[in-house]
Amino acid sequence: MNGSARVLSNLNTSSAPIERVVSFTRIFKETGFRFVTMSCSDLGEAIDLLYHFDKDLDLRSMRVVVPKGGAISSITSVYSCAMLIENEIKEHFGVDFEGLPIDFNGTMYLDEEVHKTPFCKIGIVKKPAAEQEV
């Protein structure tokens, strides 16, 4: 891999439906892949999540598109190390990870008084608890 670059392609990236993210992740683990990290992009109306896995220098990615303000299941039941990157993506892009065992509620990197997701093109504003409708 001397001097080479790896790009996402149909050969190393698959798309997964939002409701199957945990089961697809489990397949990666059962076949010997380790979880590397996640990356995230703002698509305007949705958030593009890429889960990256590696086995013997073979990098594979799984793409899941989440509607803005939407939720997706946490993969921490399969790879507990995903807890940090899921918190980071939640904080910076506003994606809610259901079942996240340790949830910093947007304060892992940002201060409590920050109420807007900084990396979204169209920000998702968090209302203080006193302003939320019941």
Protein backbone atom coordinates (compact mmCIF):
# COMPACT_ATOMS: atom_id res chain seq x y z
CA MET A 1 0.00 0.00 0.00
CA ASN A 2 3.04 2.21 -0.37
CA GLY A 3 1.86 5.59 -1.68
CA SER A 4 -1.63 4.33 -2.49
CA ALA A 5 -4.98 5.75 -1.46
CA ARG A 6 -8.16 3.85 -0.70
CA VAL A 7 -11.44 5.20 -2.03
CA LEU A 8 -15.00 4.13 -1.42
CA SER A 9 -16.40 2.04 -4.22
CA ASN A 10 -19.03 -0.61 -4.85
CA LEU A 11 -16.31 -3.19 -4.22
CA ASN A 12 -15.63 -2.18 -0.61
CA THR A 13 -18.76 -0.27 0.44
CA SER A 14 -22.25 -1.62 0.94
CA SER A 15 -25.46 0.18 1.82
CA ALA A 16 -27.57 -0.99 4.73
CA PRO A 17 -31.15 -0.14 5.66
CA ILE A 18 -31.36 1.91 8.84
CA GLU A 19 -33.29 -0.82 10.67
CA ARG A 20 -30.59 -3.45 9.95
CA VAL A 21 -27.47 -1.57 11.08
CA VAL A 22 -26.92 -3.73 14.19
CA SER A 23 -27.48 -7.06 12.42
CA PHE A 24 -25.18 -6.07 9.53
CA THR A 25 -22.54 -4.92 12.03
CA ARG A 26 -22.82 -8.27 13.82
CA ILE A 27 -22.03 -10.02 10.51
CA PHE A 28 -18.83 -7.99 10.20
CA LYS A 29 -17.80 -8.99 13.74
CA GLU A 30 -18.67 -12.68 13.26
CA THR A 31 -16.54 -12.80 10.11
CA GLY A 32 -13.48 -11.40 11.90
CA PHE A 33 -13.63 -7.69 11.09
CA ARG A 34 -12.69 -5.10 13.68
CA PHE A 35 -14.51 -1.78 13.97
CA VAL A 36 -12.19 1.07 12.93
CA THR A 37 -14.35 4.21 13.15
CA MET A 38 -17.29 6.02 11.60
CA SER A 39 -17.38 9.04 9.35
CA CYS A 40 -20.25 11.35 8.69
CA SER A 41 -21.39 13.82 6.02
CA ASP A 42 -24.26 16.25 5.84
CA LEU A 43 -26.28 15.56 2.68
CA GLY A 44 -28.70 18.46 3.24
CA GLU A 45 -31.90 16.60 4.11
CA ALA A 46 -30.13 13.58 5.61
CA ILE A 47 -26.92 12.49 7.30
CA ASP A 48 -24.66 9.96 5.58
CA LEU A 49 -23.03 7.60 8.10
CA LEU A 50 -20.15 5.38 7.05
CA TYR A 51 -19.09 2.57 9.36
CA HIS A 52 -15.52 1.40 8.65
CA PHE A 53 -14.28 -2.15 9.35
CA ASP A 54 -10.92 -3.84 8.79
CA LYS A 55 -9.67 -7.40 8.52
CA ASP A 56 -6.06 -8.07 7.51
CA LEU A 57 -5.72 -4.61 5.89
CA ASP A 58 -8.94 -5.14 3.91
CA LEU A 59 -11.01 -2.02 4.65
CA ARG A 60 -14.77 -2.33 4.19
CA SER A 61 -17.41 0.32 4.76
CA MET A 62 -21.14 0.22 5.40
CA ARG A 63 -23.23 3.24 4.41
CA VAL A 64 -26.45 4.18 6.20
CA VAL A 65 -28.46 7.32 5.44
CA VAL A 66 -30.33 8.82 8.42
CA PRO A 67 -32.94 11.57 7.97
CA LYS A 68 -32.05 14.87 9.69
CA GLY A 69 -33.28 14.73 13.27
CA GLY A 70 -33.74 10.97 12.94
CA ALA A 71 -32.47 8.14 15.10
CA ILE A 72 -30.50 4.96 14.48
CA SER A 73 -29.65 2.03 16.75
CA SER A 74 -26.29 2.16 18.49
CA ILE A 75 -23.83 -0.58 17.52
CA THR A 76 -22.25 -0.59 21.00
CA SER A 77 -23.94 -3.93 21.75
CA VAL A 78 -21.61 -5.39 19.09
CA TYR A 79 -18.56 -3.10 19.36
CA SER A 80 -18.48 -1.24 22.69
CA CYS A 81 -15.69 1.04 21.37
CA ALA A 82 -18.25 2.71 19.07
CA MET A 83 -19.57 4.63 22.11
CA LEU A 84 -17.10 7.50 21.64
CA ILE A 85 -17.63 8.10 17.91
CA GLU A 86 -21.42 7.75 18.27
CA ASN A 87 -21.38 10.44 20.97
CA GLU A 88 -19.21 12.65 18.76
CA ILE A 89 -21.53 12.28 15.75
CA LYS A 90 -24.57 12.89 17.96
CA GLU A 91 -22.98 16.05 19.29
CA HIS A 92 -21.75 17.47 15.99
CA PHE A 93 -24.43 16.28 13.54
CA GLY A 94 -27.52 15.73 15.71
CA VAL A 95 -27.95 12.00 14.98
CA ASP A 96 -29.65 10.24 17.90
CA PHE A 97 -28.22 6.78 18.68
CA GLU A 98 -30.85 4.66 20.41
CA GLY A 99 -29.48 2.35 23.12
CA LEU A 100 -26.22 4.27 23.57
CA PRO A 101 -25.07 3.00 27.01
CA ILE A 102 -23.02 6.09 27.93
CA ASP A 103 -24.63 9.19 26.47
CA PHE A 104 -22.86 12.50 27.07
CA ASN A 105 -26.01 14.33 25.87
CA GLY A 106 -24.05 16.70 23.66
CA THR A 107 -21.41 17.65 26.21
CA MET A 108 -18.50 15.37 25.32
CA TYR A 109 -16.73 18.18 23.40
CA LEU A 110 -19.21 21.05 23.52
CA ASP A 111 -20.26 23.10 26.52
CA GLU A 112 -23.79 22.79 27.89
CA GLU A 113 -24.72 26.27 26.60
CA VAL A 114 -24.11 25.24 22.96
CA HIS A 115 -27.52 24.49 21.47
CA LYS A 116 -26.74 24.02 17.78
CA THR A 117 -25.00 21.13 16.02
CA PRO A 118 -21.87 22.76 14.57
CA PHE A 119 -21.24 20.61 11.49
CA CYS A 120 -24.73 20.43 9.98
CA LYS A 121 -25.48 22.63 6.97
CA ILE A 122 -28.97 23.00 8.39
CA GLY A 123 -28.49 22.98 12.14
CA ILE A 124 -30.57 20.98 14.53
CA VAL A 125 -31.22 23.29 17.45
CA LYS A 126 -31.54 21.70 20.89
CA LYS A 127 -34.11 23.44 23.06
CA PRO A 128 -33.39 23.77 26.77
CA ALA A 129 -35.55 21.48 28.88
CA ALA A 130 -37.64 24.42 30.12
CA GLU A 131 -38.69 25.30 26.53
CA GLN A 132 -39.57 21.80 25.34
CA GLU A 133 -43.22 21.03 24.80
CA VAL A 134 -44.80 18.33 26.91
